C-alpha atoms as a PDB file:
ATOM      1  CA  MET A   1      93.360 108.069 110.258  1.00  0.00           C
ATOM      2  CA  THR A   2      94.540 107.630 113.816  1.00  0.00           C
ATOM      3  CA  LYS A   3      93.283 110.338 116.162  1.00  0.00           C
ATOM      4  CA  PHE A   4      96.180 112.679 116.969  1.00  0.00           C
ATOM      5  CA  ARG A   5      96.037 116.007 118.801  1.00  0.00           C
ATOM      6  CA  PRO A   6      99.267 118.004 118.963  1.00  0.00           C
ATOM      7  CA  LEU A   7     100.154 119.598 122.282  1.00  0.00           C
ATOM      8  CA  GLY A   8     101.099 123.223 122.904  1.00  0.00           C
ATOM      9  CA  ASP A   9     102.076 125.204 119.816  1.00  0.00           C
ATOM     10  CA  ARG A  10     102.718 122.164 117.632  1.00  0.00           C
ATOM     11  CA  VAL A  11     101.028 121.346 114.313  1.00  0.00           C
ATOM     12  CA  LEU A  12     100.640 118.093 112.358  1.00  0.00           C
ATOM     13  CA  VAL A  13     101.463 118.530 108.656  1.00  0.00           C
ATOM     14  CA  LYS A  14     101.018 116.263 105.633  1.00  0.00           C
ATOM     15  CA  ARG A  15     103.888 117.037 103.270  1.00  0.00           C
ATOM     16  CA  ALA A  16     102.981 117.829  99.642  1.00  0.00           C
ATOM     17  CA  GLU A  17     103.877 115.215  97.037  1.00  0.00           C
ATOM     18  CA  ALA A  18     107.284 115.548  95.354  1.00  0.00           C
ATOM     19  CA  GLU A  19     107.373 116.599  91.714  1.00  0.00           C
ATOM     20  CA  GLU A  20     107.603 113.684  89.265  1.00  0.00           C
ATOM     21  CA  LYS A  21     108.920 115.754  86.323  1.00  0.00           C
ATOM     22  CA  THR A  22     110.875 118.951  85.806  1.00  0.00           C
ATOM     23  CA  ALA A  23     109.373 121.923  83.948  1.00  0.00           C
ATOM     24  CA  GLY A  24     111.185 120.660  80.841  1.00  0.00           C
ATOM     25  CA  GLY A  25     109.535 117.225  81.093  1.00  0.00           C
ATOM     26  CA  ILE A  26     112.487 115.237  82.482  1.00  0.00           C
ATOM     27  CA  VAL A  27     111.362 112.458  84.834  1.00  0.00           C
ATOM     28  CA  ILE A  28     113.026 112.709  88.255  1.00  0.00           C
ATOM     29  CA  PRO A  29     114.038 109.345  89.799  1.00  0.00           C
ATOM     30  CA  ASP A  30     112.971 108.670  93.419  1.00  0.00           C
ATOM     31  CA  THR A  31     116.558 108.855  94.663  1.00  0.00           C
ATOM     32  CA  ALA A  32     117.034 112.380  93.281  1.00  0.00           C
ATOM     33  CA  LYS A  33     113.740 113.895  94.471  1.00  0.00           C
ATOM     34  CA  GLU A  34     113.964 116.564  97.122  1.00  0.00           C
ATOM     35  CA  LYS A  35     111.392 116.591  99.882  1.00  0.00           C
ATOM     36  CA  PRO A  36     108.933 119.453  99.360  1.00  0.00           C
ATOM     37  CA  ILE A  37     108.918 122.275 101.902  1.00  0.00           C
ATOM     38  CA  GLU A  38     105.174 122.716 101.494  1.00  0.00           C
ATOM     39  CA  GLY A  39     102.343 120.871 103.186  1.00  0.00           C
ATOM     40  CA  THR A  40      98.787 120.935 104.524  1.00  0.00           C
ATOM     41  CA  VAL A  41      97.979 121.337 108.218  1.00  0.00           C
ATOM     42  CA  ILE A  42      96.064 118.296 109.483  1.00  0.00           C
ATOM     43  CA  ALA A  43      95.788 119.174 113.208  1.00  0.00           C
ATOM     44  CA  VAL A  44      96.834 122.008 115.533  1.00  0.00           C
ATOM     45  CA  GLY A  45      97.523 122.209 119.239  1.00  0.00           C
ATOM     46  CA  PRO A  46      95.678 124.562 121.599  1.00  0.00           C
ATOM     47  CA  GLY A  47      98.517 127.114 121.644  1.00  0.00           C
ATOM     48  CA  ALA A  48     101.449 128.169 123.788  1.00  0.00           C
ATOM     49  CA  ARG A  49     101.464 129.849 127.189  1.00  0.00           C
ATOM     50  CA  ASP A  50     102.935 133.315 127.598  1.00  0.00           C
ATOM     51  CA  ALA A  51     105.018 134.525 130.574  1.00  0.00           C
ATOM     52  CA  HIS A  52     101.834 135.176 132.586  1.00  0.00           C
ATOM     53  CA  GLY A  53     100.365 131.719 131.927  1.00  0.00           C
ATOM     54  CA  ASN A  54      97.756 132.944 129.443  1.00  0.00           C
ATOM     55  CA  LEU A  55      97.007 130.699 126.468  1.00  0.00           C
ATOM     56  CA  VAL A  56      98.044 132.272 123.136  1.00  0.00           C
ATOM     57  CA  SER A  57      96.212 130.517 120.291  1.00  0.00           C
ATOM     58  CA  LEU A  58      97.933 129.642 117.011  1.00  0.00           C
ATOM     59  CA  GLU A  59      97.602 131.667 113.809  1.00  0.00           C
ATOM     60  CA  ILE A  60      97.647 128.482 111.730  1.00  0.00           C
ATOM     61  CA  LYS A  61      94.445 126.475 111.352  1.00  0.00           C
ATOM     62  CA  VAL A  62      93.526 123.055 109.966  1.00  0.00           C
ATOM     63  CA  GLY A  63      93.503 123.038 106.159  1.00  0.00           C
ATOM     64  CA  ASP A  64      96.087 125.822 105.709  1.00  0.00           C
ATOM     65  CA  ARG A  65      98.804 125.230 103.093  1.00  0.00           C
ATOM     66  CA  ILE A  66     102.120 126.234 104.628  1.00  0.00           C
ATOM     67  CA  LEU A  67     105.811 126.576 103.814  1.00  0.00           C
ATOM     68  CA  PHE A  68     108.361 125.324 106.333  1.00  0.00           C
ATOM     69  CA  GLY A  69     112.102 124.757 106.670  1.00  0.00           C
ATOM     70  CA  LYS A  70     113.739 121.820 104.925  1.00  0.00           C
ATOM     71  CA  TRP A  71     114.819 120.234 108.224  1.00  0.00           C
ATOM     72  CA  SER A  72     111.875 121.408 110.350  1.00  0.00           C
ATOM     73  CA  GLY A  73     109.933 119.166 112.676  1.00  0.00           C
ATOM     74  CA  THR A  74     109.961 115.461 113.379  1.00  0.00           C
ATOM     75  CA  GLU A  75     108.746 112.924 110.857  1.00  0.00           C
ATOM     76  CA  VAL A  76     106.126 110.482 112.193  1.00  0.00           C
ATOM     77  CA  LYS A  77     104.057 107.710 110.632  1.00  0.00           C
ATOM     78  CA  LEU A  78     100.338 107.714 111.521  1.00  0.00           C
ATOM     79  CA  ALA A  79      97.937 105.150 110.037  1.00  0.00           C
ATOM     80  CA  GLY A  80     100.618 104.173 107.515  1.00  0.00           C
ATOM     81  CA  GLU A  81     101.096 107.730 106.199  1.00  0.00           C
ATOM     82  CA  ASP A  82     104.092 110.028 106.700  1.00  0.00           C
ATOM     83  CA  HIS A  83     103.477 113.289 108.560  1.00  0.00           C
ATOM     84  CA  ILE A  84     105.574 115.958 110.285  1.00  0.00           C
ATOM     85  CA  VAL A  85     105.042 117.377 113.768  1.00  0.00           C
ATOM     86  CA  MET A  86     106.547 120.852 114.156  1.00  0.00           C
ATOM     87  CA  LYS A  87     106.270 123.983 116.233  1.00  0.00           C
ATOM     88  CA  GLU A  88     104.381 126.922 114.790  1.00  0.00           C
ATOM     89  CA  SER A  89     107.642 128.905 114.877  1.00  0.00           C
ATOM     90  CA  ASP A  90     109.101 126.468 112.278  1.00  0.00           C
ATOM     91  CA  VAL A  91     106.470 127.595 109.760  1.00  0.00           C
ATOM     92  CA  PHE A  92     107.585 130.351 107.367  1.00  0.00           C
ATOM     93  CA  GLY A  93     104.100 131.325 106.239  1.00  0.00           C
ATOM     94  CA  ILE A  94     100.707 130.391 104.834  1.00  0.00           C
ATOM     95  CA  VAL A  95     100.337 129.945 101.060  1.00  0.00           C
ATOM     96  CA  ALA A  96      97.377 131.984  99.803  1.00  0.00           C
END
């Protein structure tokens, strides 16, 4: 993979794969699949600066599975794979 280090309070996320079938076993065609709102954190930035200039580190770390908004972040292609760069504030939470 290409080396990529997010800046500030941004994180690089690999989106989870879309479901191929419904719970009832119906195969979903590619055109009808919704993009998952879950992914794995690949890289994190150093953190944001507060009003006094102090660095506030991120709560999210590499390897965390997270949930995020449907339209969150910016989609990028790194080493031929699709990823999303988003701010930590776009993340709803960490999946335990």
